PDB file of N, CA and C in Angstrom:
ATOM      1  N   MET A   1      98.115 108.079  91.657  1.00  0.00           N
ATOM      2  CA  MET A   1      99.227 109.067  91.296  1.00  0.00           C
ATOM      3  C   MET A   1      98.948 110.275  92.163  1.00  0.00           C
ATOM      4  N   MET A   2     100.230 110.644  93.035  1.00  0.00           N
ATOM      5  CA  MET A   2      99.932 111.817  93.928  1.00  0.00           C
ATOM      6  C   MET A   2     100.287 113.007  93.223  1.00  0.00           C
ATOM      7  N   SER A   3      99.734 114.065  93.277  1.00  0.00           N
ATOM      8  CA  SER A   3      99.944 115.338  92.786  1.00  0.00           C
ATOM      9  C   SER A   3     101.053 116.031  93.728  1.00  0.00           C
ATOM     10  N   ALA A   4     101.625 116.764  92.741  1.00  0.00           N
ATOM     11  CA  ALA A   4     103.013 117.845  93.479  1.00  0.00           C
ATOM     12  C   ALA A   4     102.550 118.345  94.654  1.00  0.00           C
ATOM     13  N   MET A   5     103.557 118.401  95.475  1.00  0.00           N
ATOM     14  CA  MET A   5     103.282 118.994  96.631  1.00  0.00           C
ATOM     15  C   MET A   5     103.904 120.370  96.708  1.00  0.00           C
ATOM     16  N   LYS A   6     103.409 121.282  97.749  1.00  0.00           N
ATOM     17  CA  LYS A   6     103.988 122.475  98.164  1.00  0.00           C
ATOM     18  C   LYS A   6     104.022 122.753  99.379  1.00  0.00           C
ATOM     19  N   ASN A   7     105.281 123.043  99.789  1.00  0.00           N
ATOM     20  CA  ASN A   7     105.801 123.243 101.205  1.00  0.00           C
ATOM     21  C   ASN A   7     105.252 124.760 101.356  1.00  0.00           C
ATOM     22  N   THR A   8     104.451 124.587 102.335  1.00  0.00           N
ATOM     23  CA  THR A   8     103.806 126.048 102.777  1.00  0.00           C
ATOM     24  C   THR A   8     104.101 126.037 104.513  1.00  0.00           C
ATOM     25  N   SER A   9     104.396 127.314 104.832  1.00  0.00           N
ATOM     26  CA  SER A   9     104.429 127.648 106.412  1.00  0.00           C
ATOM     27  C   SER A   9     103.271 128.209 107.093  1.00  0.00           C
ATOM     28  N   ILE A  10     102.701 127.683 108.054  1.00  0.00           N
ATOM     29  CA  ILE A  10     101.525 128.080 108.820  1.00  0.00           C
ATOM     30  C   ILE A  10     101.692 128.643 110.086  1.00  0.00           C
ATOM     31  N   ILE A  11     101.048 129.538 110.666  1.00  0.00           N
ATOM     32  CA  ILE A  11     101.177 129.642 112.041  1.00  0.00           C
ATOM     33  C   ILE A  11      99.581 129.211 112.671  1.00  0.00           C
ATOM     34  N   ILE A  12      99.686 128.402 113.935  1.00  0.00           N
ATOM     35  CA  ILE A  12      98.635 127.669 114.268  1.00  0.00           C
ATOM     36  C   ILE A  12      98.762 128.302 115.763  1.00  0.00           C
ATOM     37  N   SER A  13      97.308 128.178 116.628  1.00  0.00           N
ATOM     38  CA  SER A  13      97.398 128.170 117.556  1.00  0.00           C
ATOM     39  C   SER A  13      98.223 127.255 118.711  1.00  0.00           C
ATOM     40  N   ASP A  14      98.666 127.357 120.070  1.00  0.00           N
ATOM     41  CA  ASP A  14      98.697 126.126 120.770  1.00  0.00           C
ATOM     42  C   ASP A  14      97.865 125.302 120.882  1.00  0.00           C
ATOM     43  N   GLU A  15      96.719 125.387 120.817  1.00  0.00           N
ATOM     44  CA  GLU A  15      95.709 124.363 121.012  1.00  0.00           C
ATOM     45  C   GLU A  15      95.929 123.478 119.684  1.00  0.00           C
ATOM     46  N   LEU A  16      95.774 123.991 118.514  1.00  0.00           N
ATOM     47  CA  LEU A  16      95.589 123.476 117.368  1.00  0.00           C
ATOM     48  C   LEU A  16      97.230 122.779 117.072  1.00  0.00           C
ATOM     49  N   GLY A  17      98.216 123.193 117.721  1.00  0.00           N
ATOM     50  CA  GLY A  17      99.406 122.368 117.840  1.00  0.00           C
ATOM     51  C   GLY A  17      99.372 121.357 118.487  1.00  0.00           C
ATOM     52  N   ALA A  18      98.606 121.260 119.754  1.00  0.00           N
ATOM     53  CA  ALA A  18      98.504 120.090 120.769  1.00  0.00           C
ATOM     54  C   ALA A  18      97.671 119.084 119.864  1.00  0.00           C
ATOM     55  N   PHE A  19      96.654 119.620 119.389  1.00  0.00           N
ATOM     56  CA  PHE A  19      95.974 118.830 118.549  1.00  0.00           C
ATOM     57  C   PHE A  19      96.394 117.957 117.749  1.00  0.00           C
ATOM     58  N   ILE A  20      97.127 118.816 116.863  1.00  0.00           N
ATOM     59  CA  ILE A  20      98.256 118.018 115.912  1.00  0.00           C
ATOM     60  C   ILE A  20      99.222 117.032 116.658  1.00  0.00           C
ATOM     61  N   GLU A  21      99.773 117.250 117.338  1.00  0.00           N
ATOM     62  CA  GLU A  21     100.785 116.577 118.148  1.00  0.00           C
ATOM     63  C   GLU A  21     100.079 115.181 118.588  1.00  0.00           C
ATOM     64  N   ARG A  22      98.884 115.204 119.296  1.00  0.00           N
ATOM     65  CA  ARG A  22      97.868 114.117 120.020  1.00  0.00           C
ATOM     66  C   ARG A  22      97.449 113.288 118.695  1.00  0.00           C
ATOM     67  N   GLU A  23      97.048 113.847 117.700  1.00  0.00           N
ATOM     68  CA  GLU A  23      96.882 112.776 116.501  1.00  0.00           C
ATOM     69  C   GLU A  23      97.972 112.149 115.861  1.00  0.00           C
ATOM     70  N   VAL A  24      99.045 112.355 116.002  1.00  0.00           N
ATOM     71  CA  VAL A  24     100.229 112.044 115.660  1.00  0.00           C
ATOM     72  C   VAL A  24     100.558 111.068 116.613  1.00  0.00           C
ATOM     73  N   ALA A  25     100.663 111.360 117.822  1.00  0.00           N
ATOM     74  CA  ALA A  25     101.032 110.401 118.746  1.00  0.00           C
ATOM     75  C   ALA A  25     100.211 109.467 118.942  1.00  0.00           C
ATOM     76  N   SER A  26      98.930 109.324 118.557  1.00  0.00           N
ATOM     77  CA  SER A  26      97.841 108.623 118.802  1.00  0.00           C
ATOM     78  C   SER A  26      98.065 107.332 117.690  1.00  0.00           C
ATOM     79  N   GLY A  27      98.906 107.652 116.567  1.00  0.00           N
ATOM     80  CA  GLY A  27      99.336 106.590 115.441  1.00  0.00           C
ATOM     81  C   GLY A  27      98.274 106.927 114.270  1.00  0.00           C
ATOM     82  N   ARG A  28      97.482 107.759 114.632  1.00  0.00           N
ATOM     83  CA  ARG A  28      96.500 107.641 113.125  1.00  0.00           C
ATOM     84  C   ARG A  28      97.351 108.504 112.105  1.00  0.00           C
ATOM     85  N   TYR A  29      98.027 109.383 112.373  1.00  0.00           N
ATOM     86  CA  TYR A  29      99.006 110.102 111.353  1.00  0.00           C
ATOM     87  C   TYR A  29     100.270 109.694 111.477  1.00  0.00           C
ATOM     88  N   ALA A  30     101.157 109.877 110.525  1.00  0.00           N
ATOM     89  CA  ALA A  30     102.565 109.648 110.605  1.00  0.00           C
ATOM     90  C   ALA A  30     103.133 110.989 110.876  1.00  0.00           C
ATOM     91  N   SER A  31     102.496 112.107 110.290  1.00  0.00           N
ATOM     92  CA  SER A  31     103.127 113.201 110.692  1.00  0.00           C
ATOM     93  C   SER A  31     102.314 114.572 110.598  1.00  0.00           C
ATOM     94  N   ALA A  32     102.588 115.567 111.190  1.00  0.00           N
ATOM     95  CA  ALA A  32     102.025 116.762 111.251  1.00  0.00           C
ATOM     96  C   ALA A  32     101.644 117.421 109.897  1.00  0.00           C
ATOM     97  N   SER A  33     101.910 116.976 108.936  1.00  0.00           N
ATOM     98  CA  SER A  33     101.821 117.309 107.324  1.00  0.00           C
ATOM     99  C   SER A  33     100.438 116.657 107.240  1.00  0.00           C
ATOM    100  N   GLU A  34     100.577 115.302 107.604  1.00  0.00           N
ATOM    101  CA  GLU A  34      99.276 114.424 107.044  1.00  0.00           C
ATOM    102  C   GLU A  34      98.105 114.751 108.088  1.00  0.00           C
ATOM    103  N   VAL A  35      98.023 115.389 109.253  1.00  0.00           N
ATOM    104  CA  VAL A  35      96.959 115.670 109.765  1.00  0.00           C
ATOM    105  C   VAL A  35      96.621 116.891 109.117  1.00  0.00           C
ATOM    106  N   VAL A  36      97.202 117.968 108.791  1.00  0.00           N
ATOM    107  CA  VAL A  36      96.915 119.194 107.969  1.00  0.00           C
ATOM    108  C   VAL A  36      96.359 118.904 106.433  1.00  0.00           C
ATOM    109  N   ARG A  37      96.593 118.044 105.879  1.00  0.00           N
ATOM    110  CA  ARG A  37      96.427 117.427 104.473  1.00  0.00           C
ATOM    111  C   ARG A  37      94.894 116.869 104.723  1.00  0.00           C
ATOM    112  N   ASP A  38      94.850 115.888 105.952  1.00  0.00           N
ATOM    113  CA  ASP A  38      93.454 115.415 106.042  1.00  0.00           C
ATOM    114  C   ASP A  38      92.432 116.292 106.413  1.00  0.00           C
ATOM    115  N   SER A  39      92.615 117.021 107.454  1.00  0.00           N
ATOM    116  CA  SER A  39      91.953 118.373 107.779  1.00  0.00           C
ATOM    117  C   SER A  39      91.393 119.297 106.550  1.00  0.00           C
ATOM    118  N   LEU A  40      92.532 119.529 105.749  1.00  0.00           N
ATOM    119  CA  LEU A  40      92.115 120.574 104.579  1.00  0.00           C
ATOM    120  C   LEU A  40      91.021 119.624 103.471  1.00  0.00           C
ATOM    121  N   ARG A  41      91.425 118.303 103.545  1.00  0.00           N
ATOM    122  CA  ARG A  41      90.221 117.802 102.797  1.00  0.00           C
ATOM    123  C   ARG A  41      89.062 117.539 103.234  1.00  0.00           C
ATOM    124  N   LEU A  42      88.937 117.411 104.508  1.00  0.00           N
ATOM    125  CA  LEU A  42      87.476 117.287 105.101  1.00  0.00           C
ATOM    126  C   LEU A  42      87.017 118.819 105.070  1.00  0.00           C
ATOM    127  N   LEU A  43      87.751 120.021 105.118  1.00  0.00           N
ATOM    128  CA  LEU A  43      87.040 121.016 104.907  1.00  0.00           C
ATOM    129  C   LEU A  43      86.560 121.542 103.621  1.00  0.00           C
ATOM    130  N   GLU A  44      87.525 120.586 102.513  1.00  0.00           N
ATOM    131  CA  GLU A  44      87.067 120.923 101.040  1.00  0.00           C
ATOM    132  C   GLU A  44      85.931 120.304 101.093  1.00  0.00           C
ATOM    133  N   ARG A  45      85.540 119.253 101.198  1.00  0.00           N
ATOM    134  CA  ARG A  45      84.344 118.418 101.223  1.00  0.00           C
ATOM    135  C   ARG A  45      82.960 118.991 102.108  1.00  0.00           C
ATOM    136  N   ARG A  46      83.260 119.628 103.151  1.00  0.00           N
ATOM    137  CA  ARG A  46      82.784 120.352 103.666  1.00  0.00           C
ATOM    138  C   ARG A  46      81.991 121.613 102.758  1.00  0.00           C
ATOM    139  N   ALA A  47      82.927 122.293 102.255  1.00  0.00           N
ATOM    140  CA  ALA A  47      82.629 123.587 101.323  1.00  0.00           C
ATOM    141  C   ALA A  47      81.678 122.843 100.194  1.00  0.00           C
ATOM    142  N   LEU A  48      82.033 121.869  99.711  1.00  0.00           N
ATOM    143  CA  LEU A  48      81.310 121.397  98.383  1.00  0.00           C
ATOM    144  C   LEU A  48      80.060 120.709  98.618  1.00  0.00           C
ATOM    145  N   GLU A  49      79.874 120.733  99.992  1.00  0.00           N
ATOM    146  CA  GLU A  49      78.368 119.819 100.396  1.00  0.00           C
ATOM    147  C   GLU A  49      77.450 121.106 100.861  1.00  0.00           C
ATOM    148  N   ARG A  50      78.174 122.217 101.441  1.00  0.00           N
ATOM    149  CA  ARG A  50      77.456 123.314 101.586  1.00  0.00           C
ATOM    150  C   ARG A  50      77.113 123.845 100.269  1.00  0.00           C
ATOM    151  N   GLU A  51      77.573 124.013  99.103  1.00  0.00           N
ATOM    152  CA  GLU A  51      77.342 124.455  97.974  1.00  0.00           C
ATOM    153  C   GLU A  51      76.391 123.734  97.222  1.00  0.00           C
ATOM    154  N   GLN A  52      76.571 122.535  97.408  1.00  0.00           N
ATOM    155  CA  GLN A  52      75.398 121.549  96.820  1.00  0.00           C
ATOM    156  C   GLN A  52      74.073 122.032  97.395  1.00  0.00           C
ATOM    157  N   LEU A  53      74.184 122.063  98.760  1.00  0.00           N
ATOM    158  CA  LEU A  53      73.019 122.252  99.508  1.00  0.00           C
ATOM    159  C   LEU A  53      72.204 123.786  99.255  1.00  0.00           C
ATOM    160  N   ARG A  54      73.164 124.719  98.850  1.00  0.00           N
ATOM    161  CA  ARG A  54      72.779 125.970  98.501  1.00  0.00           C
ATOM    162  C   ARG A  54      72.174 125.836  97.058  1.00  0.00           C
ATOM    163  N   THR A  55      72.649 124.959  96.170  1.00  0.00           N
ATOM    164  CA  THR A  55      71.936 124.855  94.782  1.00  0.00           C
ATOM    165  C   THR A  55      70.690 124.020  95.119  1.00  0.00           C
ATOM    166  N   ALA A  56      70.549 123.024  95.771  1.00  0.00           N
ATOM    167  CA  ALA A  56      69.361 122.688  96.154  1.00  0.00           C
ATOM    168  C   ALA A  56      68.217 123.406  96.664  1.00  0.00           C
ATOM    169  N   ILE A  57      68.765 124.028  97.594  1.00  0.00           N
ATOM    170  CA  ILE A  57      67.843 125.254  98.090  1.00  0.00           C
ATOM    171  C   ILE A  57      67.183 126.247  97.175  1.00  0.00           C
ATOM    172  N   LEU A  58      68.286 126.706  96.363  1.00  0.00           N
ATOM    173  CA  LEU A  58      67.838 127.711  95.045  1.00  0.00           C
ATOM    174  C   LEU A  58      66.600 126.914  94.428  1.00  0.00           C
ATOM    175  N   ALA A  59      67.038 125.731  93.714  1.00  0.00           N
ATOM    176  CA  ALA A  59      66.281 125.107  93.056  1.00  0.00           C
ATOM    177  C   ALA A  59      64.789 124.529  93.192  1.00  0.00           C
ATOM    178  N   GLY A  60      64.460 124.509  94.982  1.00  0.00           N
ATOM    179  CA  GLY A  60      63.509 124.403  95.552  1.00  0.00           C
ATOM    180  C   GLY A  60      62.788 125.625  95.430  1.00  0.00           C
ATOM    181  N   GLU A  61      63.290 126.789  95.636  1.00  0.00           N
ATOM    182  CA  GLU A  61      62.847 127.934  95.799  1.00  0.00           C
ATOM    183  C   GLU A  61      61.965 128.405  94.451  1.00  0.00           C
ATOM    184  N   GLU A  62      63.245 128.156  93.671  1.00  0.00           N
ATOM    185  CA  GLU A  62      62.703 128.394  92.080  1.00  0.00           C
ATOM    186  C   GLU A  62      61.488 127.429  91.604  1.00  0.00           C
ATOM    187  N   SER A  63      61.175 126.179  92.107  1.00  0.00           N
ATOM    188  CA  SER A  63      60.342 125.458  91.841  1.00  0.00           C
ATOM    189  C   SER A  63      58.933 125.862  91.884  1.00  0.00           C
ATOM    190  N   GLY A  64      58.595 126.974  92.674  1.00  0.00           N
ATOM    191  CA  GLY A  64      57.197 127.580  92.779  1.00  0.00           C
ATOM    192  C   GLY A  64      57.031 127.287  94.404  1.00  0.00           C
ATOM    193  N   PRO A  65      55.489 127.582  94.422  1.00  0.00           N
ATOM    194  CA  PRO A  65      55.044 127.278  95.924  1.00  0.00           C
ATOM    195  C   PRO A  65      54.645 125.837  96.321  1.00  0.00           C
ATOM    196  N   ALA A  66      54.924 125.564  97.442  1.00  0.00           N
ATOM    197  CA  ALA A  66      54.568 124.151  97.959  1.00  0.00           C
ATOM    198  C   ALA A  66      53.198 123.932  97.673  1.00  0.00           C
ATOM    199  N   GLU A  67      52.687 122.400  97.278  1.00  0.00           N
ATOM    200  CA  GLU A  67      51.212 122.219  97.326  1.00  0.00           C
ATOM    201  C   GLU A  67      50.847 121.487  98.918  1.00  0.00           C
ATOM    202  N   PRO A  68      49.750 121.451  99.037  1.00  0.00           N
ATOM    203  CA  PRO A  68      49.386 120.702 100.289  1.00  0.00           C
ATOM    204  C   PRO A  68      49.726 119.356 100.193  1.00  0.00           C
ATOM    205  N   PHE A  69      50.111 118.975 101.212  1.00  0.00           N
ATOM    206  CA  PHE A  69      50.633 117.557 101.394  1.00  0.00           C
ATOM    207  C   PHE A  69      49.890 116.922 102.669  1.00  0.00           C
ATOM    208  N   ASP A  70      49.334 115.695 102.041  1.00  0.00           N
ATOM    209  CA  ASP A  70      48.530 114.774 103.189  1.00  0.00           C
ATOM    210  C   ASP A  70      49.364 113.579 103.227  1.00  0.00           C
ATOM    211  N   MET A  71      50.374 113.561 104.711  1.00  0.00           N
ATOM    212  CA  MET A  71      50.921 112.351 105.168  1.00  0.00           C
ATOM    213  C   MET A  71      50.136 111.074 105.150  1.00  0.00           C
ATOM    214  N   ASP A  72      48.977 111.237 105.721  1.00  0.00           N
ATOM    215  CA  ASP A  72      48.277 110.017 105.693  1.00  0.00           C
ATOM    216  C   ASP A  72      47.952 109.220 104.184  1.00  0.00           C
ATOM    217  N   GLU A  73      47.356 110.386 103.344  1.00  0.00           N
ATOM    218  CA  GLU A  73      47.141 109.785 102.164  1.00  0.00           C
ATOM    219  C   GLU A  73      48.472 109.309 101.482  1.00  0.00           C
ATOM    220  N   PHE A  74      49.797 110.104 101.510  1.00  0.00           N
ATOM    221  CA  PHE A  74      51.122 109.598 101.099  1.00  0.00           C
ATOM    222  C   PHE A  74      51.128 108.037 101.560  1.00  0.00           C
ATOM    223  N   LEU A  75      51.142 107.624 102.936  1.00  0.00           N
ATOM    224  CA  LEU A  75      51.451 106.608 103.316  1.00  0.00           C
ATOM    225  C   LEU A  75      50.633 105.540 103.234  1.00  0.00           C
ATOM    226  N   THR A  76      49.155 105.692 102.795  1.00  0.00           N
ATOM    227  CA  THR A  76      48.409 104.721 102.067  1.00  0.00           C
ATOM    228  C   THR A  76      48.685 104.199 100.931  1.00  0.00           C
ATOM    229  N   GLU A  77      49.111 105.127  99.867  1.00  0.00           N
ATOM    230  CA  GLU A  77      49.479 105.038  98.664  1.00  0.00           C
ATOM    231  C   GLU A  77      50.909 104.280  98.641  1.00  0.00           C
ATOM    232  N   LEU A  78      51.674 104.702  99.515  1.00  0.00           N
ATOM    233  CA  LEU A  78      52.942 104.089  99.495  1.00  0.00           C
ATOM    234  C   LEU A  78      52.830 102.396  99.854  1.00  0.00           C
ATOM    235  N   ARG A  79      51.906 102.229 100.644  1.00  0.00           N
ATOM    236  CA  ARG A  79      51.458 100.620 101.262  1.00  0.00           C
ATOM    237  C   ARG A  79      50.990 100.299 100.083  1.00  0.00           C
ATOM    238  N   GLY A  80      50.384 100.724  98.927  1.00  0.00           N
ATOM    239  CA  GLY A  80      49.589 100.142  98.032  1.00  0.00           C
ATOM    240  C   GLY A  80      48.124  99.967  98.721  1.00  0.00           C
ATOM    241  N   GLU A  81      47.502 100.489  99.359  1.00  0.00           N
ATOM    242  CA  GLU A  81      46.449 100.438 100.085  1.00  0.00           C
ATOM    243  C   GLU A  81      45.058 101.295  99.487  1.00  0.00           C
ATOM    244  N   ALA A  82      45.671 101.762  98.392  1.00  0.00           N
ATOM    245  CA  ALA A  82      44.677 102.695  97.693  1.00  0.00           C
ATOM    246  C   ALA A  82      44.832 102.692  96.095  1.00  0.00           C
ATOM    247  N   PRO A  83      43.773 102.561  95.603  1.00  0.00           N
ATOM    248  CA  PRO A  83      43.882 102.540  94.105  1.00  0.00           C
ATOM    249  C   PRO A  83      44.706 103.447  93.396  1.00  0.00           C
ATOM    250  N   LYS A  84      45.510 102.992  92.315  1.00  0.00           N
ATOM    251  CA  LYS A  84      46.442 103.775  91.892  1.00  0.00           C
ATOM    252  C   LYS A  84      45.599 105.039  91.086  1.00  0.00           C
ATOM    253  N   ARG A  85      46.343 106.104  91.035  1.00  0.00           N
ATOM    254  CA  ARG A  85      45.722 107.245  90.314  1.00  0.00           C
ATOM    255  C   ARG A  85      46.029 107.199  88.480  1.00  0.00           C
ATOM    256  N   ALA A  86      45.125 107.545  87.825  1.00  0.00           N
ATOM    257  CA  ALA A  86      45.396 107.403  86.268  1.00  0.00           C
ATOM    258  C   ALA A  86      45.988 108.560  85.842  1.00  0.00           C
TER     259      ALA A  86
END
């Protein structure tokens, strides 16, 4: 189900206008509106991913100081070559 559409007028640079025209001419999009809608969806997704990353960073910072990490020990345990810890 498609949500209601709003008709909005925007002013863009010649470069962006040419990009939109190329995208439509390529056949990837049927109209300039489709190019703009898809671009805004990508921008929205990028903003959401950035917010999720900020949340993860904050959670990491609030989890306390890092503990020493031994990569060789980790890989050995991962391969099952060392006895499991109790």
